[in-house]
Amino acid sequence: MAISRKKLRENLAEYYDRRGVLAEVVEKPVEFALDEELRRQILKGNRARRLQNISIKLDPAQIQALRKIATMRSIPYQTLIRQWLAEGIRRELRVGSR
């Protein structure tokens, strides 16, 4: 007998309510380490360009804004996204190294 998705969601919600899984969540820093050479390359911006496709869902208004900003800067919007990601990664790596 197949169980409906709605019924499954209700059963899962009841299970987690009874189980109290939030008590099991431990808030502590996540340890993440990059190879030191890779970290240096990223911070200096001299990493070899080997691009890989990914898929990400964005709000249509965000895409429209990205395209408009990219057009104003005379670059493709995918390049703008890559630039912003690279800047954010470098900023986070600098913050983490303090």
C-alpha atoms as a PDB file:
ATOM      1  CA  MET A   1       0.000   0.000   0.000  1.00  0.00           C
ATOM      2  CA  ALA A   2       1.473   3.339  -1.071  1.00  0.00           C
ATOM      3  CA  ILE A   3       1.445   6.141   1.449  1.00  0.00           C
ATOM      4  CA  SER A   4       0.608   9.636   0.203  1.00  0.00           C
ATOM      5  CA  ARG A   5       3.241  12.373   0.372  1.00  0.00           C
ATOM      6  CA  LYS A   6       1.012  14.456   2.629  1.00  0.00           C
ATOM      7  CA  LYS A   7       0.571  11.545   5.045  1.00  0.00           C
ATOM      8  CA  LEU A   8       4.308  10.836   4.953  1.00  0.00           C
ATOM      9  CA  ARG A   9       5.085  14.493   5.817  1.00  0.00           C
ATOM     10  CA  GLU A  10       2.604  14.361   8.706  1.00  0.00           C
ATOM     11  CA  ASN A  11       4.148  11.113   9.988  1.00  0.00           C
ATOM     12  CA  LEU A  12       7.666  12.542   9.748  1.00  0.00           C
ATOM     13  CA  ALA A  13       6.610  15.718  11.547  1.00  0.00           C
ATOM     14  CA  GLU A  14       5.042  13.664  14.358  1.00  0.00           C
ATOM     15  CA  TYR A  15       8.154  11.498  14.580  1.00  0.00           C
ATOM     16  CA  TYR A  16      10.509  14.469  14.858  1.00  0.00           C
ATOM     17  CA  ASP A  17       8.202  16.200  17.334  1.00  0.00           C
ATOM     18  CA  ARG A  18       8.254  13.108  19.561  1.00  0.00           C
ATOM     19  CA  ARG A  19      11.964  12.451  19.053  1.00  0.00           C
ATOM     20  CA  GLY A  20      13.114  16.004  19.793  1.00  0.00           C
ATOM     21  CA  VAL A  21      15.997  15.986  17.310  1.00  0.00           C
ATOM     22  CA  LEU A  22      16.799  19.646  17.937  1.00  0.00           C
ATOM     23  CA  ALA A  23      18.305  18.633  21.263  1.00  0.00           C
ATOM     24  CA  GLU A  24      20.816  16.549  19.302  1.00  0.00           C
ATOM     25  CA  VAL A  25      22.040  19.494  17.227  1.00  0.00           C
ATOM     26  CA  VAL A  26      25.348  20.719  18.545  1.00  0.00           C
ATOM     27  CA  GLU A  27      26.315  24.278  17.773  1.00  0.00           C
ATOM     28  CA  LYS A  28      30.047  24.395  17.336  1.00  0.00           C
ATOM     29  CA  PRO A  29      32.352  25.676  14.622  1.00  0.00           C
ATOM     30  CA  VAL A  30      32.730  23.478  11.587  1.00  0.00           C
ATOM     31  CA  GLU A  31      36.338  22.665  10.881  1.00  0.00           C
ATOM     32  CA  PHE A  32      37.261  23.210   7.251  1.00  0.00           C
ATOM     33  CA  ALA A  33      40.772  23.289   5.909  1.00  0.00           C
ATOM     34  CA  LEU A  34      42.161  23.966   2.466  1.00  0.00           C
ATOM     35  CA  ASP A  35      45.494  22.762   1.270  1.00  0.00           C
ATOM     36  CA  GLU A  36      47.827  25.676   2.104  1.00  0.00           C
ATOM     37  CA  GLU A  37      49.057  26.001  -1.502  1.00  0.00           C
ATOM     38  CA  LEU A  38      45.484  26.116  -2.850  1.00  0.00           C
ATOM     39  CA  ARG A  39      44.595  28.741  -0.229  1.00  0.00           C
ATOM     40  CA  ARG A  40      47.605  30.868  -1.268  1.00  0.00           C
ATOM     41  CA  GLN A  41      46.663  30.583  -4.954  1.00  0.00           C
ATOM     42  CA  ILE A  42      43.065  31.630  -4.280  1.00  0.00           C
ATOM     43  CA  LEU A  43      44.104  34.619  -2.162  1.00  0.00           C
ATOM     44  CA  LYS A  44      46.612  35.765  -4.782  1.00  0.00           C
ATOM     45  CA  GLY A  45      44.107  35.196  -7.593  1.00  0.00           C
ATOM     46  CA  ASN A  46      46.526  33.163  -9.708  1.00  0.00           C
ATOM     47  CA  ARG A  47      44.611  29.897  -9.733  1.00  0.00           C
ATOM     48  CA  ALA A  48      44.511  28.015 -13.050  1.00  0.00           C
ATOM     49  CA  ARG A  49      41.158  28.477 -14.833  1.00  0.00           C
ATOM     50  CA  ARG A  50      39.513  25.068 -14.949  1.00  0.00           C
ATOM     51  CA  LEU A  51      35.805  25.789 -14.967  1.00  0.00           C
ATOM     52  CA  GLN A  52      33.112  23.280 -14.035  1.00  0.00           C
ATOM     53  CA  ASN A  53      29.404  23.624 -14.710  1.00  0.00           C
ATOM     54  CA  ILE A  54      27.004  23.754 -11.759  1.00  0.00           C
ATOM     55  CA  SER A  55      23.290  24.260 -11.483  1.00  0.00           C
ATOM     56  CA  ILE A  56      21.766  26.742  -9.038  1.00  0.00           C
ATOM     57  CA  LYS A  57      18.239  28.042  -8.670  1.00  0.00           C
ATOM     58  CA  LEU A  58      17.856  31.809  -8.433  1.00  0.00           C
ATOM     59  CA  ASP A  59      14.902  34.127  -8.121  1.00  0.00           C
ATOM     60  CA  PRO A  60      14.021  35.562 -11.566  1.00  0.00           C
ATOM     61  CA  ALA A  61      14.314  39.105 -10.144  1.00  0.00           C
ATOM     62  CA  GLN A  62      17.876  38.321  -9.028  1.00  0.00           C
ATOM     63  CA  ILE A  63      18.763  37.060 -12.497  1.00  0.00           C
ATOM     64  CA  GLN A  64      17.321  40.198 -14.075  1.00  0.00           C
ATOM     65  CA  ALA A  65      19.321  42.373 -11.648  1.00  0.00           C
ATOM     66  CA  LEU A  66      22.491  40.369 -12.356  1.00  0.00           C
ATOM     67  CA  ARG A  67      22.044  40.812 -16.093  1.00  0.00           C
ATOM     68  CA  LYS A  68      21.433  44.546 -15.729  1.00  0.00           C
ATOM     69  CA  ILE A  69      24.515  45.058 -13.513  1.00  0.00           C
ATOM     70  CA  ALA A  70      26.626  42.927 -15.862  1.00  0.00           C
ATOM     71  CA  THR A  71      25.416  44.931 -18.876  1.00  0.00           C
ATOM     72  CA  MET A  72      26.322  48.162 -17.099  1.00  0.00           C
ATOM     73  CA  ARG A  73      29.829  46.746 -16.542  1.00  0.00           C
ATOM     74  CA  SER A  74      30.008  45.388 -20.117  1.00  0.00           C
ATOM     75  CA  ILE A  75      30.639  41.800 -19.037  1.00  0.00           C
ATOM     76  CA  PRO A  76      28.590  38.591 -19.277  1.00  0.00           C
ATOM     77  CA  TYR A  77      26.454  37.985 -16.189  1.00  0.00           C
ATOM     78  CA  GLN A  78      28.075  34.575 -15.569  1.00  0.00           C
ATOM     79  CA  THR A  79      31.448  36.343 -15.343  1.00  0.00           C
ATOM     80  CA  LEU A  80      29.977  38.802 -12.834  1.00  0.00           C
ATOM     81  CA  ILE A  81      28.712  35.912 -10.697  1.00  0.00           C
ATOM     82  CA  ARG A  82      32.146  34.232 -10.825  1.00  0.00           C
ATOM     83  CA  GLN A  83      33.825  37.513  -9.824  1.00  0.00           C
ATOM     84  CA  TRP A  84      31.491  37.998  -6.863  1.00  0.00           C
ATOM     85  CA  LEU A  85      31.978  34.396  -5.735  1.00  0.00           C
ATOM     86  CA  ALA A  86      35.767  34.731  -5.999  1.00  0.00           C
ATOM     87  CA  GLU A  87      35.704  37.976  -3.978  1.00  0.00           C
ATOM     88  CA  GLY A  88      33.534  36.387  -1.294  1.00  0.00           C
ATOM     89  CA  ILE A  89      35.768  33.321  -1.064  1.00  0.00           C
ATOM     90  CA  ARG A  90      38.917  35.444  -0.769  1.00  0.00           C
ATOM     91  CA  ARG A  91      37.255  37.620   1.901  1.00  0.00           C
ATOM     92  CA  GLU A  92      36.180  34.557   3.923  1.00  0.00           C
ATOM     93  CA  LEU A  93      39.647  33.008   3.670  1.00  0.00           C
ATOM     94  CA  ARG A  94      41.236  36.225   4.916  1.00  0.00           C
ATOM     95  CA  VAL A  95      38.782  36.450   7.827  1.00  0.00           C
ATOM     96  CA  GLY A  96      39.444  32.829   8.755  1.00  0.00           C
ATOM     97  CA  SER A  97      43.194  33.326   8.791  1.00  0.00           C
ATOM     98  CA  ARG A  98      43.147  35.979  11.532  1.00  0.00           C
END
